[in-house]
Amino acid sequence: MMKNWKLSVTVILGLLLGSFSLFYKGSDPLVELKIEKSVERLEEIDIVEVPFVNSVTESLSTVKAEIESGSNLNDFLLEHGLSRDEASSVVYEISPFVDLHYIRAGEQFKLNYIDSVFQGLSMLNSPVTIVEVVRDLTTENGFRAFEKERTLNTFVQQVSGVIDDSLYSAALSAGMNTNILYELIRLLSYDVDFQRDIQKGDSFNVSYETLYDEDGELVEEGKILSAQLITDGRDISFFYYEDIQGEGDYFNGEGQTIRKTLLKTPVHGAYITSSYGRRVSPITGFSHMHKAVDFGAPSGTQIFASGDGLITTAGYNSVYGNYIEIRHVNGYSSLYAHMIRFASGMRKGIRVQQGQVIGYVGSTGMSTGPHLHYEVSYWGTKINPSSIKSPPTRTLIGKDKTLFDNLKQSYIASFR
């Protein structure tokens, strides 16, 4: 093999020198002597055979790990092979995206290595976003962090059923997720009095988004796309539509937004314990006009603002206990009494949105048990919350109405 290498080099060199002599027309004997000596020296060189390498193979690996109880992110990184400087740099880079105080035991990370050298990590920052840290030698500390959206696949889930006892229990039995169920109840609350309207034999049909990751694992449920409730022969349906300006909302079959000025039921899963009208007080024993609706619910159940507005009172008195009063548009105001406590940040002067949690069911003040005392006033006069009929806040027209009608028909077809 060595002889063949030497022969090849000699032949190639001979060809090169021959070519040189063709172009060099001179007959300088000194040049000819130098050429001969060079050939002799090359023939004496031992050629070392070096194996040919097609590519550089690097060992890539990903480690899935979680923070253990009593540890923190810095300690976690040290345990997985980072130097103190590297761990500090990673913590520094990730801190603008992640509140380190909320990283708890069980938090999962994916750590990437090349030939056992740490290259970066990733972690879930929300159901739909990931924070990544990568090695970047162009930065001052050698790492760079950024947030990006997860690659998720969206599917449509449909749940239907017949009500025997309540919509709540029927929907859960049909396999509906509780978050979707709560949202469904909230959206139906604009038009449905769950204590008076719902009857045995009523039916429902709901379509909503489900989001799965690349591994086929359910990440979360998305928004409700369509819903139909048949109660006492009445069809209450709504559909999600995103208009040509990119704004999404829920509309009934006529293309009118289902959102009203006030909700009829500002608490989940509640039942009416006392309606608006004359009654005998369970505390005093005297007959009087009860100008409110009482909703019985377990202590701690969330209470929602029935409409957008400004909190004008958030305090306590011996009758209402902990209560909040909200001023809405068009002369309406609402009052929520006997709360066990207010939601965080609720105080006088704060603006709230319809459906926002403002407090929790309790039994403070003059009360015989956990419930929400709900009052509505119109220009200062108390009225029956169940009798409010407010006009829709928006009606689709033109191209939006045409596009909506086409979308609606596809949803209606799925109801059958």
Protein backbone atom coordinates (compact mmCIF):
# COMPACT_ATOMS: atom_id res chain seq x y z
CA MET A 1 0.00 0.00 0.00
CA MET A 2 2.88 2.40 0.88
CA LYS A 3 4.58 1.72 -2.43
CA ASN A 4 1.40 2.53 -4.32
CA TRP A 5 1.14 5.88 -2.44
CA LYS A 6 4.77 6.71 -3.28
CA LEU A 7 4.28 5.74 -6.89
CA SER A 8 1.17 7.90 -7.18
CA VAL A 9 2.90 10.94 -5.69
CA THR A 10 5.90 10.46 -7.94
CA VAL A 11 3.75 10.16 -11.05
CA ILE A 12 1.67 13.23 -10.13
CA LEU A 13 4.79 15.24 -9.36
CA GLY A 14 6.35 14.10 -12.60
CA LEU A 15 3.33 15.30 -14.51
CA LEU A 16 3.40 18.66 -12.73
CA LEU A 17 7.10 19.12 -13.36
CA GLY A 18 6.67 18.04 -16.93
CA SER A 19 3.99 20.66 -17.36
CA PHE A 20 6.27 23.22 -15.78
CA SER A 21 9.04 22.37 -18.23
CA LEU A 22 6.71 22.82 -21.17
CA PHE A 23 5.89 26.36 -20.09
CA TYR A 24 9.42 27.12 -18.98
CA LYS A 25 11.45 27.30 -22.24
CA GLY A 26 14.74 28.21 -20.64
CA SER A 27 17.69 25.75 -20.40
CA ASP A 28 19.16 26.96 -17.16
CA PRO A 29 21.08 23.92 -15.72
CA LEU A 30 20.62 25.30 -12.22
CA VAL A 31 16.85 25.05 -12.51
CA GLU A 32 17.08 21.51 -13.86
CA LEU A 33 19.29 20.52 -10.94
CA LYS A 34 16.83 21.91 -8.39
CA ILE A 35 13.99 19.97 -9.97
CA GLU A 36 15.93 16.69 -9.86
CA LYS A 37 16.85 17.22 -6.19
CA SER A 38 13.23 17.98 -5.29
CA VAL A 39 12.04 14.75 -6.89
CA GLU A 40 14.67 12.75 -5.02
CA ARG A 41 13.64 14.25 -1.68
CA LEU A 42 9.93 13.58 -2.28
CA GLU A 43 10.64 9.95 -3.13
CA GLU A 44 12.30 9.57 0.26
CA ILE A 45 9.28 10.89 2.24
CA ASP A 46 7.23 8.20 4.02
CA ILE A 47 3.53 8.70 3.29
CA VAL A 48 1.36 8.13 6.39
CA GLU A 49 -2.09 6.75 5.60
CA VAL A 50 -4.89 8.74 7.35
CA PRO A 51 -8.39 7.25 7.52
CA PHE A 52 -11.07 9.31 5.72
CA VAL A 53 -13.81 10.81 7.95
CA ASN A 54 -17.18 11.45 6.30
CA SER A 55 -18.60 13.73 9.04
CA VAL A 56 -18.22 14.80 12.64
CA THR A 57 -20.68 12.85 14.77
CA GLU A 58 -21.91 14.63 17.89
CA SER A 59 -23.87 13.00 20.70
CA LEU A 60 -27.17 14.86 21.07
CA SER A 61 -29.34 14.15 24.10
CA THR A 62 -32.40 15.55 25.85
CA VAL A 63 -33.08 14.99 29.52
CA LYS A 64 -36.56 15.44 31.01
CA ALA A 65 -36.42 16.30 34.69
CA GLU A 66 -38.42 18.07 37.36
CA ILE A 67 -37.53 20.17 40.36
CA GLU A 68 -37.64 18.20 43.59
CA SER A 69 -39.15 19.34 46.86
CA GLY A 70 -36.90 21.77 48.73
CA SER A 71 -34.90 22.69 45.63
CA ASN A 72 -34.90 25.77 43.39
CA LEU A 73 -34.00 26.49 39.78
CA ASN A 74 -30.36 27.35 40.50
CA ASP A 75 -29.79 24.18 42.53
CA PHE A 76 -31.64 22.16 39.90
CA LEU A 77 -29.27 23.40 37.19
CA LEU A 78 -26.18 22.66 39.29
CA GLU A 79 -27.44 19.13 39.80
CA HIS A 80 -27.67 18.70 36.03
CA GLY A 81 -24.10 19.56 35.17
CA LEU A 82 -23.99 23.34 34.87
CA SER A 83 -21.24 25.38 36.45
CA ARG A 84 -22.18 28.05 38.97
CA ASP A 85 -21.61 30.79 36.38
CA GLU A 86 -23.73 28.95 33.80
CA ALA A 87 -26.54 28.34 36.28
CA SER A 88 -26.55 32.00 37.33
CA SER A 89 -26.61 33.11 33.69
CA VAL A 90 -29.54 30.83 32.83
CA VAL A 91 -31.51 32.04 35.86
CA TYR A 92 -30.77 35.66 34.91
CA GLU A 93 -31.89 35.16 31.29
CA ILE A 94 -35.09 33.31 32.15
CA SER A 95 -36.25 35.65 34.92
CA PRO A 96 -37.92 38.27 32.62
CA PHE A 97 -40.23 35.55 31.29
CA VAL A 98 -40.86 33.43 34.40
CA ASP A 99 -41.69 34.48 37.95
CA LEU A 100 -39.09 32.40 39.78
CA HIS A 101 -41.14 32.58 42.99
CA TYR A 102 -43.81 30.44 41.33
CA ILE A 103 -41.44 27.66 40.26
CA ARG A 104 -42.39 24.83 42.57
CA ALA A 105 -41.52 21.19 43.13
CA GLY A 106 -42.73 19.16 40.16
CA GLU A 107 -42.01 21.88 37.57
CA GLN A 108 -40.77 20.04 34.47
CA PHE A 109 -37.87 21.00 32.20
CA LYS A 110 -36.25 19.61 29.07
CA LEU A 111 -32.46 20.02 29.12
CA ASN A 112 -30.44 19.67 25.91
CA TYR A 113 -26.83 18.49 25.71
CA ILE A 114 -24.19 17.95 23.02
CA ASP A 115 -21.47 15.51 24.08
CA SER A 116 -22.66 16.01 27.67
CA VAL A 117 -22.18 19.79 27.41
CA PHE A 118 -25.29 21.79 28.37
CA GLN A 119 -26.81 23.67 25.41
CA GLY A 120 -30.13 24.94 26.73
CA LEU A 121 -33.49 24.13 28.27
CA SER A 122 -37.21 24.64 27.76
CA MET A 123 -40.22 24.79 30.07
CA LEU A 124 -43.95 25.41 29.82
CA ASN A 125 -44.85 28.97 30.71
CA SER A 126 -48.56 28.51 30.02
CA PRO A 127 -50.64 25.84 28.31
CA VAL A 128 -49.85 27.46 24.95
CA THR A 129 -46.37 29.01 25.38
CA ILE A 130 -42.84 27.74 26.03
CA VAL A 131 -39.81 29.58 27.39
CA GLU A 132 -36.48 28.44 25.95
CA VAL A 133 -32.90 29.20 26.93
CA VAL A 134 -30.17 28.47 24.36
CA ARG A 135 -26.42 28.78 24.40
CA ASP A 136 -25.44 31.90 22.44
CA LEU A 137 -21.78 32.93 22.41
CA THR A 138 -22.66 36.33 20.93
CA THR A 139 -24.24 37.41 24.22
CA GLU A 140 -22.39 38.70 27.26
CA ASN A 141 -23.12 35.71 29.49
CA GLY A 142 -23.30 33.06 26.78
CA PHE A 143 -27.05 32.37 26.89
CA ARG A 144 -30.24 33.82 25.43
CA ALA A 145 -33.87 33.30 26.51
CA PHE A 146 -37.09 33.79 24.54
CA GLU A 147 -40.75 32.82 24.60
CA LYS A 148 -42.58 31.13 21.76
CA GLU A 149 -45.96 29.58 21.09
CA ARG A 150 -46.34 25.82 21.32
CA THR A 151 -47.24 23.81 18.25
CA LEU A 152 -50.74 22.63 19.08
CA ASN A 153 -53.34 20.76 17.07
CA THR A 154 -56.95 21.89 17.43
CA PHE A 155 -59.89 19.50 17.24
CA VAL A 156 -63.61 20.00 17.79
CA GLN A 157 -65.29 18.09 20.61
CA GLN A 158 -69.06 17.70 20.66
CA VAL A 159 -71.05 16.84 23.79
CA SER A 160 -74.80 16.34 23.93
CA GLY A 161 -77.30 14.96 26.39
CA VAL A 162 -80.73 15.02 27.96
CA ILE A 163 -81.34 16.73 31.30
CA ASP A 164 -82.75 14.59 34.09
CA ASP A 165 -81.92 16.59 37.19
CA SER A 166 -79.89 19.66 36.17
CA LEU A 167 -77.83 20.91 33.24
CA TYR A 168 -74.76 20.77 35.46
CA SER A 169 -75.06 17.08 36.33
CA ALA A 170 -76.20 16.08 32.82
CA ALA A 171 -73.26 17.83 31.16
CA LEU A 172 -70.74 16.25 33.54
CA SER A 173 -72.27 12.82 32.93
CA ALA A 174 -71.92 13.39 29.18
CA GLY A 175 -68.19 14.01 29.62
CA MET A 176 -68.03 17.79 29.46
CA ASN A 177 -65.02 19.42 31.13
CA THR A 178 -65.94 21.58 34.14
CA ASN A 179 -64.24 24.69 32.69
CA ILE A 180 -66.31 24.41 29.53
CA LEU A 181 -69.43 23.76 31.61
CA TYR A 182 -68.88 26.89 33.70
CA GLU A 183 -68.39 28.93 30.54
CA LEU A 184 -71.54 27.43 29.02
CA ILE A 185 -73.57 28.35 32.11
CA ARG A 186 -72.14 31.88 32.04
CA LEU A 187 -73.09 32.36 28.39
CA LEU A 188 -76.56 30.91 28.85
CA SER A 189 -77.08 33.12 31.90
CA TYR A 190 -77.95 36.05 29.63
CA ASP A 191 -81.19 34.32 28.60
CA VAL A 192 -81.78 31.42 30.96
CA ASP A 193 -83.13 31.39 34.50
CA PHE A 194 -81.68 28.07 35.59
CA GLN A 195 -84.18 27.64 38.41
CA ARG A 196 -87.33 28.36 36.42
CA ASP A 197 -86.50 27.53 32.81
CA ILE A 198 -84.69 24.18 33.01
CA GLN A 199 -86.96 21.11 33.08
CA LYS A 200 -86.54 17.35 32.98
CA GLY A 201 -86.30 16.17 29.37
CA ASP A 202 -84.62 19.34 28.07
CA SER A 203 -81.64 18.67 25.81
CA PHE A 204 -78.32 20.32 25.00
CA ASN A 205 -75.63 20.13 22.33
CA VAL A 206 -72.27 21.87 22.65
CA SER A 207 -69.20 22.05 20.38
CA TYR A 208 -65.88 23.33 21.68
CA GLU A 209 -62.19 23.32 20.86
CA THR A 210 -59.69 20.85 22.30
CA LEU A 211 -55.96 21.51 21.95
CA TYR A 212 -53.42 18.68 21.79
CA ASP A 213 -49.62 18.81 21.76
CA GLU A 214 -47.29 17.02 19.32
CA ASP A 215 -47.33 13.92 21.53
CA GLY A 216 -51.11 13.66 21.35
CA GLU A 217 -51.61 14.80 24.94
CA LEU A 218 -54.58 17.05 25.75
CA VAL A 219 -53.24 20.48 26.71
CA GLU A 220 -56.47 22.35 27.38
CA GLU A 221 -59.96 23.05 26.15
CA GLY A 222 -60.37 26.11 23.96
CA LYS A 223 -63.44 28.23 23.41
CA ILE A 224 -67.02 27.11 22.93
CA LEU A 225 -67.90 27.24 19.23
CA SER A 226 -71.63 26.60 19.35
CA ALA A 227 -74.30 25.63 21.85
CA GLN A 228 -77.96 24.71 21.74
CA LEU A 229 -80.35 24.30 24.66
CA ILE A 230 -83.88 23.06 24.02
CA THR A 231 -86.02 23.90 27.04
CA ASP A 232 -89.82 23.75 27.15
CA GLY A 233 -89.88 23.76 23.34
CA ARG A 234 -87.74 26.91 23.18
CA ASP A 235 -84.50 26.79 21.15
CA ILE A 236 -81.75 28.85 22.78
CA SER A 237 -78.67 28.70 20.55
CA PHE A 238 -75.55 30.77 20.13
CA PHE A 239 -72.50 30.63 17.89
CA TYR A 240 -68.98 32.01 18.07
CA TYR A 241 -68.14 34.28 15.14
CA GLU A 242 -65.03 36.35 14.42
CA ASP A 243 -65.92 39.36 12.29
CA ILE A 244 -63.97 40.76 9.35
CA GLN A 245 -62.13 43.06 11.76
CA GLY A 246 -60.88 40.03 13.71
CA GLU A 247 -63.06 40.57 16.80
CA GLY A 248 -64.84 37.48 18.16
CA ASP A 249 -68.10 37.26 20.10
CA TYR A 250 -71.14 35.05 20.58
CA PHE A 251 -74.30 35.67 18.56
CA ASN A 252 -77.78 34.16 18.52
CA GLY A 253 -79.40 32.79 15.38
CA GLU A 254 -80.46 36.29 14.28
CA GLY A 255 -76.89 37.58 14.36
CA GLN A 256 -77.41 39.53 17.57
CA THR A 257 -74.80 39.39 20.30
CA ILE A 258 -76.01 37.35 23.27
CA ARG A 259 -74.33 39.72 25.72
CA LYS A 260 -76.84 41.82 27.60
CA THR A 261 -76.40 44.66 30.05
CA LEU A 262 -76.74 42.28 33.03
CA LEU A 263 -76.53 38.56 33.71
CA LYS A 264 -79.59 36.87 35.16
CA THR A 265 -77.51 34.49 37.29
CA PRO A 266 -74.23 35.96 38.63
CA VAL A 267 -73.11 32.79 40.45
CA HIS A 268 -72.29 29.26 39.21
CA GLY A 269 -74.30 26.20 40.15
CA ALA A 270 -76.65 28.14 42.42
CA TYR A 271 -80.32 27.55 43.13
CA ILE A 272 -82.92 30.16 44.02
CA THR A 273 -83.81 30.01 47.70
CA SER A 274 -85.96 33.13 47.70
CA SER A 275 -87.44 34.95 44.72
CA TYR A 276 -88.26 38.62 44.25
CA GLY A 277 -91.56 39.45 45.98
CA ARG A 278 -93.38 39.39 49.31
CA ARG A 279 -92.21 36.79 51.82
CA VAL A 280 -91.93 36.03 55.54
CA SER A 281 -88.42 36.80 56.76
CA PRO A 282 -86.70 33.68 58.13
CA ILE A 283 -84.97 35.89 60.73
CA THR A 284 -87.63 38.37 61.93
CA GLY A 285 -90.72 36.29 61.13
CA PHE A 286 -92.47 39.34 59.63
CA SER A 287 -93.89 39.58 56.13
CA HIS A 288 -92.18 42.11 53.90
CA MET A 289 -91.26 42.80 50.29
CA HIS A 290 -88.08 40.93 49.34
CA LYS A 291 -86.63 43.15 46.62
CA ALA A 292 -83.90 40.76 45.57
CA VAL A 293 -83.21 37.20 44.47
CA ASP A 294 -81.36 34.87 46.84
CA PHE A 295 -79.14 32.16 45.35
CA GLY A 296 -78.12 29.27 47.59
CA ALA A 297 -74.59 27.96 46.97
CA PRO A 298 -71.73 26.44 48.97
CA SER A 299 -69.58 28.86 50.94
CA GLY A 300 -66.69 30.07 48.79
CA THR A 301 -68.51 29.77 45.44
CA GLN A 302 -67.41 32.47 43.00
CA ILE A 303 -69.66 35.50 42.48
CA PHE A 304 -69.46 37.43 39.20
CA ALA A 305 -70.14 41.01 38.21
CA SER A 306 -73.42 40.83 36.31
CA GLY A 307 -72.28 43.61 33.98
CA ASP A 308 -69.49 46.03 33.18
CA GLY A 309 -69.34 48.89 35.64
CA LEU A 310 -67.75 50.83 38.48
CA ILE A 311 -67.66 49.59 42.08
CA THR A 312 -69.33 52.33 44.13
CA THR A 313 -69.35 50.44 47.45
CA ALA A 314 -67.23 47.61 48.83
CA GLY A 315 -67.76 47.33 52.56
CA TYR A 316 -69.67 45.84 55.47
CA ASN A 317 -72.88 46.53 57.37
CA SER A 318 -74.93 44.54 59.86
CA VAL A 319 -77.63 43.61 57.33
CA TYR A 320 -75.71 42.89 54.11
CA GLY A 321 -72.50 41.74 55.75
CA ASN A 322 -69.69 42.01 53.20
CA TYR A 323 -71.25 43.50 50.08
CA ILE A 324 -70.36 45.17 46.80
CA GLU A 325 -72.45 47.59 44.73
CA ILE A 326 -71.71 48.26 41.06
CA ARG A 327 -72.99 51.09 38.86
CA HIS A 328 -73.65 50.03 35.25
CA VAL A 329 -74.68 51.90 32.09
CA ASN A 330 -78.20 53.06 31.25
CA GLY A 331 -79.21 53.66 34.86
CA TYR A 332 -78.69 50.13 36.18
CA SER A 333 -76.88 49.15 39.38
CA SER A 334 -76.41 45.79 41.12
CA LEU A 335 -75.68 44.71 44.69
CA TYR A 336 -74.13 41.47 46.01
CA ALA A 337 -74.45 40.72 49.74
CA HIS A 338 -73.40 38.27 52.49
CA MET A 339 -70.01 37.50 50.88
CA ILE A 340 -67.48 35.58 52.92
CA ARG A 341 -64.83 37.81 51.35
CA PHE A 342 -64.09 40.02 48.36
CA ALA A 343 -61.96 38.90 45.43
CA SER A 344 -58.43 40.28 45.37
CA GLY A 345 -58.27 43.95 44.39
CA MET A 346 -62.00 44.64 44.72
CA ARG A 347 -62.57 48.06 46.27
CA LYS A 348 -64.45 51.29 45.68
CA GLY A 349 -63.49 53.01 42.42
CA ILE A 350 -62.38 49.85 40.59
CA ARG A 351 -63.87 49.13 37.17
CA VAL A 352 -64.97 45.54 36.57
CA GLN A 353 -66.06 43.60 33.54
CA GLN A 354 -69.10 41.41 33.10
CA GLY A 355 -68.34 37.91 34.38
CA GLN A 356 -65.33 39.01 36.45
CA VAL A 357 -65.04 37.38 39.88
CA ILE A 358 -65.76 40.01 42.54
CA GLY A 359 -66.24 37.88 45.65
CA TYR A 360 -67.27 34.57 47.19
CA VAL A 361 -70.52 33.26 48.65
CA GLY A 362 -70.76 33.48 52.43
CA SER A 363 -73.18 34.10 55.29
CA THR A 364 -72.05 37.41 56.77
CA GLY A 365 -74.51 39.98 58.10
CA MET A 366 -78.19 39.08 58.61
CA SER A 367 -78.14 35.62 57.06
CA THR A 368 -79.27 32.10 57.96
CA GLY A 369 -76.78 30.28 55.73
CA PRO A 370 -74.43 30.60 52.73
CA HIS A 371 -76.13 32.38 49.83
CA LEU A 372 -75.90 35.37 47.51
CA HIS A 373 -78.41 38.18 48.01
CA TYR A 374 -78.63 39.82 44.56
CA GLU A 375 -80.34 43.17 43.97
CA VAL A 376 -80.78 45.18 40.77
CA SER A 377 -81.89 48.83 40.66
CA TYR A 378 -82.96 50.97 37.71
CA TRP A 379 -82.42 54.69 38.28
CA GLY A 380 -82.48 54.03 42.02
CA THR A 381 -85.62 51.85 42.09
CA LYS A 382 -85.18 48.18 42.93
CA ILE A 383 -86.53 45.85 40.24
CA ASN A 384 -86.84 42.10 39.72
CA PRO A 385 -83.49 40.84 38.33
CA SER A 386 -85.29 37.98 36.57
CA SER A 387 -87.52 40.35 34.57
CA ILE A 388 -84.80 42.45 32.93
CA LYS A 389 -85.05 42.49 29.14
CA SER A 390 -82.16 44.50 27.76
CA PRO A 391 -81.53 44.92 24.01
CA PRO A 392 -78.53 43.23 22.34
CA THR A 393 -75.35 45.29 22.30
CA ARG A 394 -74.62 44.51 18.64
CA THR A 395 -76.31 43.12 15.50
CA LEU A 396 -74.34 41.81 12.52
CA ILE A 397 -75.02 43.40 9.12
CA GLY A 398 -73.72 43.23 5.55
CA LYS A 399 -70.83 40.89 4.77
CA ASP A 400 -70.48 39.89 8.42
CA LYS A 401 -74.11 38.75 8.50
CA THR A 402 -73.64 36.69 5.33
CA LEU A 403 -70.48 35.02 6.63
CA PHE A 404 -72.11 34.39 9.99
CA ASP A 405 -75.18 32.76 8.41
CA ASN A 406 -72.96 30.36 6.45
CA LEU A 407 -71.04 29.43 9.59
CA LYS A 408 -74.25 29.07 11.58
CA GLN A 409 -75.68 26.57 9.10
CA SER A 410 -72.65 24.32 9.47
CA TYR A 411 -73.07 24.34 13.25
CA ILE A 412 -76.82 23.70 13.05
CA ALA A 413 -76.14 20.69 10.83
CA SER A 414 -74.00 19.23 13.61
CA PHE A 415 -76.90 19.54 16.08
CA ARG A 416 -78.94 16.95 14.22
